[in-house]
Amino acid sequence: MKSFTRATAALACLVALAATPADAKKRGKPEAGEQQQKQQPDDPNGGGFGRYKPFPHNLVFNLKEINGHAATVEVWLRIDSTGRAAGFSGCKNFSGVFVVGSERLGPRAAPAVTDQKCDPAAAAIERDFWLIMATGPYWDTQGDSLIIKGMKGGEMRFARSML
């Protein structure tokens, strides 16, 4: 019974391989316009997938702008190469583990935070900061800047600290 199953599987593979060259001959060569279109895509990265950018680990970034407004309180973020994050979100210090993907970022679990009260303006910036960070935002770099965009809207722009 095993040999019958193996023979059937081998036959199916041979049929699939034999059909591939025949299908290629039927399709023929693409027209010149199609070749030119494939060689010059509209994608600025040269077609296909975007270029991989490594996350800027072990650097401190200070918040410069959140949702189009200048940051009025000190907010900073640092994520090391193991995903451990630390920072100050406007009112509270935080630390936790973040998952860093090729374009996505997000906390693995709720970060530990200090319990402090602060003025309403700083609390509003902190709320916006965590609304963006909790949604598994997209990240990008431009020079010494780190840009974090929330899944449901919101954008933060950080500048690299010189410390």
C-alpha atoms as a PDB file:
ATOM      1  CA  MET A   1       0.000   0.000   0.000  1.00  0.00           C
ATOM      2  CA  LYS A   2       2.883   2.358   0.837  1.00  0.00           C
ATOM      3  CA  SER A   3       4.493   1.767  -2.544  1.00  0.00           C
ATOM      4  CA  PHE A   4       1.202   2.576  -4.313  1.00  0.00           C
ATOM      5  CA  THR A   5       0.973   5.894  -2.432  1.00  0.00           C
ATOM      6  CA  ARG A   6       4.598   6.734  -3.212  1.00  0.00           C
ATOM      7  CA  ALA A   7       4.132   5.829  -6.884  1.00  0.00           C
ATOM      8  CA  THR A   8       1.016   8.035  -7.097  1.00  0.00           C
ATOM      9  CA  ALA A   9       2.857  10.953  -5.474  1.00  0.00           C
ATOM     10  CA  ALA A  10       5.831  10.544  -7.831  1.00  0.00           C
ATOM     11  CA  LEU A  11       3.513  10.428 -10.840  1.00  0.00           C
ATOM     12  CA  ALA A  12       1.772  13.621  -9.712  1.00  0.00           C
ATOM     13  CA  CYS A  13       5.154  15.364  -9.377  1.00  0.00           C
ATOM     14  CA  LEU A  14       6.226  14.245 -12.856  1.00  0.00           C
ATOM     15  CA  VAL A  15       2.973  15.489 -14.379  1.00  0.00           C
ATOM     16  CA  ALA A  16       3.385  18.862 -12.650  1.00  0.00           C
ATOM     17  CA  LEU A  17       6.995  19.202 -13.844  1.00  0.00           C
ATOM     18  CA  ALA A  18       6.136  18.159 -17.377  1.00  0.00           C
ATOM     19  CA  ALA A  19       3.306  20.682 -17.580  1.00  0.00           C
ATOM     20  CA  THR A  20       5.504  23.625 -16.571  1.00  0.00           C
ATOM     21  CA  PRO A  21       7.703  23.787 -19.747  1.00  0.00           C
ATOM     22  CA  ALA A  22       4.652  23.300 -21.962  1.00  0.00           C
ATOM     23  CA  ASP A  23       2.862  26.192 -20.277  1.00  0.00           C
ATOM     24  CA  ALA A  24       5.934  28.389 -20.716  1.00  0.00           C
ATOM     25  CA  LYS A  25       6.016  27.676 -24.469  1.00  0.00           C
ATOM     26  CA  LYS A  26       2.315  28.567 -24.787  1.00  0.00           C
ATOM     27  CA  ARG A  27       2.832  31.896 -23.063  1.00  0.00           C
ATOM     28  CA  GLY A  28       5.733  32.869 -25.296  1.00  0.00           C
ATOM     29  CA  LYS A  29       7.911  35.905 -24.717  1.00  0.00           C
ATOM     30  CA  PRO A  30       6.354  39.029 -23.194  1.00  0.00           C
ATOM     31  CA  GLU A  31       5.903  42.005 -25.439  1.00  0.00           C
ATOM     32  CA  ALA A  32       8.433  44.833 -25.368  1.00  0.00           C
ATOM     33  CA  GLY A  33       6.053  47.115 -23.441  1.00  0.00           C
ATOM     34  CA  GLU A  34       5.609  44.518 -20.713  1.00  0.00           C
ATOM     35  CA  GLN A  35       9.374  44.061 -20.361  1.00  0.00           C
ATOM     36  CA  GLN A  36       9.936  47.788 -20.081  1.00  0.00           C
ATOM     37  CA  GLN A  37       7.180  48.104 -17.475  1.00  0.00           C
ATOM     38  CA  LYS A  38       8.761  45.354 -15.357  1.00  0.00           C
ATOM     39  CA  GLN A  39      12.200  46.996 -15.537  1.00  0.00           C
ATOM     40  CA  GLN A  40      11.007  50.467 -14.503  1.00  0.00           C
ATOM     41  CA  PRO A  41       8.419  50.150 -11.736  1.00  0.00           C
ATOM     42  CA  ASP A  42       6.953  53.179  -9.989  1.00  0.00           C
ATOM     43  CA  ASP A  43       8.310  51.957  -6.660  1.00  0.00           C
ATOM     44  CA  PRO A  44      11.223  54.198  -5.549  1.00  0.00           C
ATOM     45  CA  ASN A  45      12.890  51.207  -3.853  1.00  0.00           C
ATOM     46  CA  GLY A  46      13.412  49.505  -7.199  1.00  0.00           C
ATOM     47  CA  GLY A  47      10.379  47.232  -7.239  1.00  0.00           C
ATOM     48  CA  GLY A  48       9.284  44.341  -5.126  1.00  0.00           C
ATOM     49  CA  PHE A  49       9.666  44.612  -1.391  1.00  0.00           C
ATOM     50  CA  GLY A  50      10.975  47.730   0.295  1.00  0.00           C
ATOM     51  CA  ARG A  51      14.557  47.939   1.441  1.00  0.00           C
ATOM     52  CA  TYR A  52      15.225  46.594   4.907  1.00  0.00           C
ATOM     53  CA  LYS A  53      16.143  49.206   7.488  1.00  0.00           C
ATOM     54  CA  PRO A  54      17.487  48.074  10.833  1.00  0.00           C
ATOM     55  CA  PHE A  55      15.845  49.574  13.906  1.00  0.00           C
ATOM     56  CA  PRO A  56      18.138  52.100  15.635  1.00  0.00           C
ATOM     57  CA  HIS A  57      18.760  50.078  18.806  1.00  0.00           C
ATOM     58  CA  ASN A  58      20.623  51.380  21.876  1.00  0.00           C
ATOM     59  CA  LEU A  59      19.987  55.027  21.029  1.00  0.00           C
ATOM     60  CA  VAL A  60      17.966  57.571  22.995  1.00  0.00           C
ATOM     61  CA  PHE A  61      15.321  59.488  21.053  1.00  0.00           C
ATOM     62  CA  ASN A  62      13.613  62.669  22.300  1.00  0.00           C
ATOM     63  CA  LEU A  63      10.085  63.509  21.170  1.00  0.00           C
ATOM     64  CA  LYS A  64       9.994  66.648  19.015  1.00  0.00           C
ATOM     65  CA  GLU A  65       6.486  66.458  17.550  1.00  0.00           C
ATOM     66  CA  ILE A  66       3.297  64.507  18.295  1.00  0.00           C
ATOM     67  CA  ASN A  67       0.250  64.589  16.016  1.00  0.00           C
ATOM     68  CA  GLY A  68       1.577  67.676  14.229  1.00  0.00           C
ATOM     69  CA  HIS A  69       2.174  69.690  17.431  1.00  0.00           C
ATOM     70  CA  ALA A  70       5.498  70.456  19.075  1.00  0.00           C
ATOM     71  CA  ALA A  71       6.128  68.482  22.248  1.00  0.00           C
ATOM     72  CA  THR A  72       5.787  70.751  25.295  1.00  0.00           C
ATOM     73  CA  VAL A  73       7.123  68.194  27.789  1.00  0.00           C
ATOM     74  CA  GLU A  74      10.164  65.951  27.779  1.00  0.00           C
ATOM     75  CA  VAL A  75       9.410  62.501  26.353  1.00  0.00           C
ATOM     76  CA  TRP A  76      12.150  60.048  25.487  1.00  0.00           C
ATOM     77  CA  LEU A  77      12.470  56.449  24.344  1.00  0.00           C
ATOM     78  CA  ARG A  78      15.299  53.898  24.200  1.00  0.00           C
ATOM     79  CA  ILE A  79      15.050  50.301  22.957  1.00  0.00           C
ATOM     80  CA  ASP A  80      18.103  48.080  23.181  1.00  0.00           C
ATOM     81  CA  SER A  81      19.025  45.209  20.887  1.00  0.00           C
ATOM     82  CA  THR A  82      17.189  42.658  23.077  1.00  0.00           C
ATOM     83  CA  GLY A  83      13.915  44.613  22.858  1.00  0.00           C
ATOM     84  CA  ARG A  84      14.063  46.030  26.370  1.00  0.00           C
ATOM     85  CA  ALA A  85      12.642  49.537  26.366  1.00  0.00           C
ATOM     86  CA  ALA A  86      12.894  52.356  28.855  1.00  0.00           C
ATOM     87  CA  GLY A  87      11.755  55.921  28.721  1.00  0.00           C
ATOM     88  CA  PHE A  88       9.748  58.810  30.068  1.00  0.00           C
ATOM     89  CA  SER A  89       6.283  59.371  28.601  1.00  0.00           C
ATOM     90  CA  GLY A  90       5.559  62.864  29.877  1.00  0.00           C
ATOM     91  CA  CYS A  91       4.492  62.044  33.436  1.00  0.00           C
ATOM     92  CA  LYS A  92       5.806  58.582  34.198  1.00  0.00           C
ATOM     93  CA  ASN A  93       8.929  56.536  33.696  1.00  0.00           C
ATOM     94  CA  PHE A  94       8.321  53.213  31.972  1.00  0.00           C
ATOM     95  CA  SER A  95      10.180  50.030  31.170  1.00  0.00           C
ATOM     96  CA  GLY A  96       9.183  46.896  29.352  1.00  0.00           C
ATOM     97  CA  VAL A  97       9.901  44.576  26.460  1.00  0.00           C
ATOM     98  CA  PHE A  98       8.992  45.631  22.941  1.00  0.00           C
ATOM     99  CA  VAL A  99       8.733  43.494  19.835  1.00  0.00           C
ATOM    100  CA  VAL A 100      10.663  45.170  17.035  1.00  0.00           C
ATOM    101  CA  GLY A 101       9.840  44.031  13.504  1.00  0.00           C
ATOM    102  CA  SER A 102      11.187  45.235  10.190  1.00  0.00           C
ATOM    103  CA  GLU A 103       8.526  47.979  10.057  1.00  0.00           C
ATOM    104  CA  ARG A 104       6.396  47.416  13.168  1.00  0.00           C
ATOM    105  CA  LEU A 105       6.900  48.046  16.845  1.00  0.00           C
ATOM    106  CA  GLY A 106       4.840  47.217  19.891  1.00  0.00           C
ATOM    107  CA  PRO A 107       4.927  46.268  23.551  1.00  0.00           C
ATOM    108  CA  ARG A 108       5.022  42.528  24.254  1.00  0.00           C
ATOM    109  CA  ALA A 109       3.050  43.155  27.447  1.00  0.00           C
ATOM    110  CA  ALA A 110       1.966  46.209  29.407  1.00  0.00           C
ATOM    111  CA  PRO A 111       5.119  48.080  30.433  1.00  0.00           C
ATOM    112  CA  ALA A 112       5.847  48.805  34.081  1.00  0.00           C
ATOM    113  CA  VAL A 113       5.260  52.471  34.922  1.00  0.00           C
ATOM    114  CA  THR A 114       5.829  54.677  37.931  1.00  0.00           C
ATOM    115  CA  ASP A 115       2.699  56.116  39.502  1.00  0.00           C
ATOM    116  CA  GLN A 116       2.914  59.907  39.408  1.00  0.00           C
ATOM    117  CA  LYS A 117       0.454  62.724  38.925  1.00  0.00           C
ATOM    118  CA  CYS A 118       1.146  65.601  36.591  1.00  0.00           C
ATOM    119  CA  ASP A 119      -0.472  68.607  34.992  1.00  0.00           C
ATOM    120  CA  PRO A 120      -3.234  68.102  32.385  1.00  0.00           C
ATOM    121  CA  ALA A 121      -1.106  69.221  29.392  1.00  0.00           C
ATOM    122  CA  ALA A 122       1.574  66.627  30.128  1.00  0.00           C
ATOM    123  CA  ALA A 123      -1.095  63.999  30.801  1.00  0.00           C
ATOM    124  CA  ALA A 124      -2.642  64.684  27.362  1.00  0.00           C
ATOM    125  CA  ILE A 125       0.722  64.173  25.627  1.00  0.00           C
ATOM    126  CA  GLU A 126       1.300  60.998  27.611  1.00  0.00           C
ATOM    127  CA  ARG A 127      -2.162  59.689  26.639  1.00  0.00           C
ATOM    128  CA  ASP A 128      -1.467  60.378  22.945  1.00  0.00           C
ATOM    129  CA  PHE A 129       1.955  58.720  23.276  1.00  0.00           C
ATOM    130  CA  TRP A 130       0.449  55.499  24.667  1.00  0.00           C
ATOM    131  CA  LEU A 131      -2.457  55.501  22.217  1.00  0.00           C
ATOM    132  CA  ILE A 132       0.071  55.375  19.384  1.00  0.00           C
ATOM    133  CA  MET A 133       2.478  52.932  21.051  1.00  0.00           C
ATOM    134  CA  ALA A 134      -0.203  50.436  22.117  1.00  0.00           C
ATOM    135  CA  THR A 135      -1.568  49.902  18.585  1.00  0.00           C
ATOM    136  CA  GLY A 136       1.566  48.217  17.208  1.00  0.00           C
ATOM    137  CA  PRO A 137       2.722  51.227  15.212  1.00  0.00           C
ATOM    138  CA  TYR A 138       4.827  51.432  12.092  1.00  0.00           C
ATOM    139  CA  TRP A 139       8.289  52.913  12.443  1.00  0.00           C
ATOM    140  CA  ASP A 140      10.671  54.514   9.984  1.00  0.00           C
ATOM    141  CA  THR A 141      13.928  56.412  10.126  1.00  0.00           C
ATOM    142  CA  GLN A 142      15.008  59.492   8.224  1.00  0.00           C
ATOM    143  CA  GLY A 143      18.562  60.476   9.021  1.00  0.00           C
ATOM    144  CA  ASP A 144      18.778  60.914  12.802  1.00  0.00           C
ATOM    145  CA  SER A 145      14.990  60.972  13.193  1.00  0.00           C
ATOM    146  CA  LEU A 146      12.687  58.155  14.267  1.00  0.00           C
ATOM    147  CA  ILE A 147       9.084  58.393  13.060  1.00  0.00           C
ATOM    148  CA  ILE A 148       6.385  56.281  14.685  1.00  0.00           C
ATOM    149  CA  LYS A 149       2.927  56.144  13.068  1.00  0.00           C
ATOM    150  CA  GLY A 150      -0.034  54.604  14.868  1.00  0.00           C
ATOM    151  CA  MET A 151      -2.259  51.991  13.248  1.00  0.00           C
ATOM    152  CA  LYS A 152      -5.355  54.074  14.008  1.00  0.00           C
ATOM    153  CA  GLY A 153      -3.795  57.453  13.301  1.00  0.00           C
ATOM    154  CA  GLY A 154      -1.331  59.610  15.142  1.00  0.00           C
ATOM    155  CA  GLU A 155       2.302  60.264  14.448  1.00  0.00           C
ATOM    156  CA  MET A 156       5.325  60.972  16.610  1.00  0.00           C
ATOM    157  CA  ARG A 157       8.645  62.345  15.439  1.00  0.00           C
ATOM    158  CA  PHE A 158      11.688  61.774  17.583  1.00  0.00           C
ATOM    159  CA  ALA A 159      15.191  63.243  17.215  1.00  0.00           C
ATOM    160  CA  ARG A 160      18.261  61.324  18.261  1.00  0.00           C
ATOM    161  CA  SER A 161      19.704  62.518  21.540  1.00  0.00           C
ATOM    162  CA  MET A 162      23.367  63.399  21.689  1.00  0.00           C
ATOM    163  CA  LEU A 163      23.782  61.691  25.081  1.00  0.00           C
END
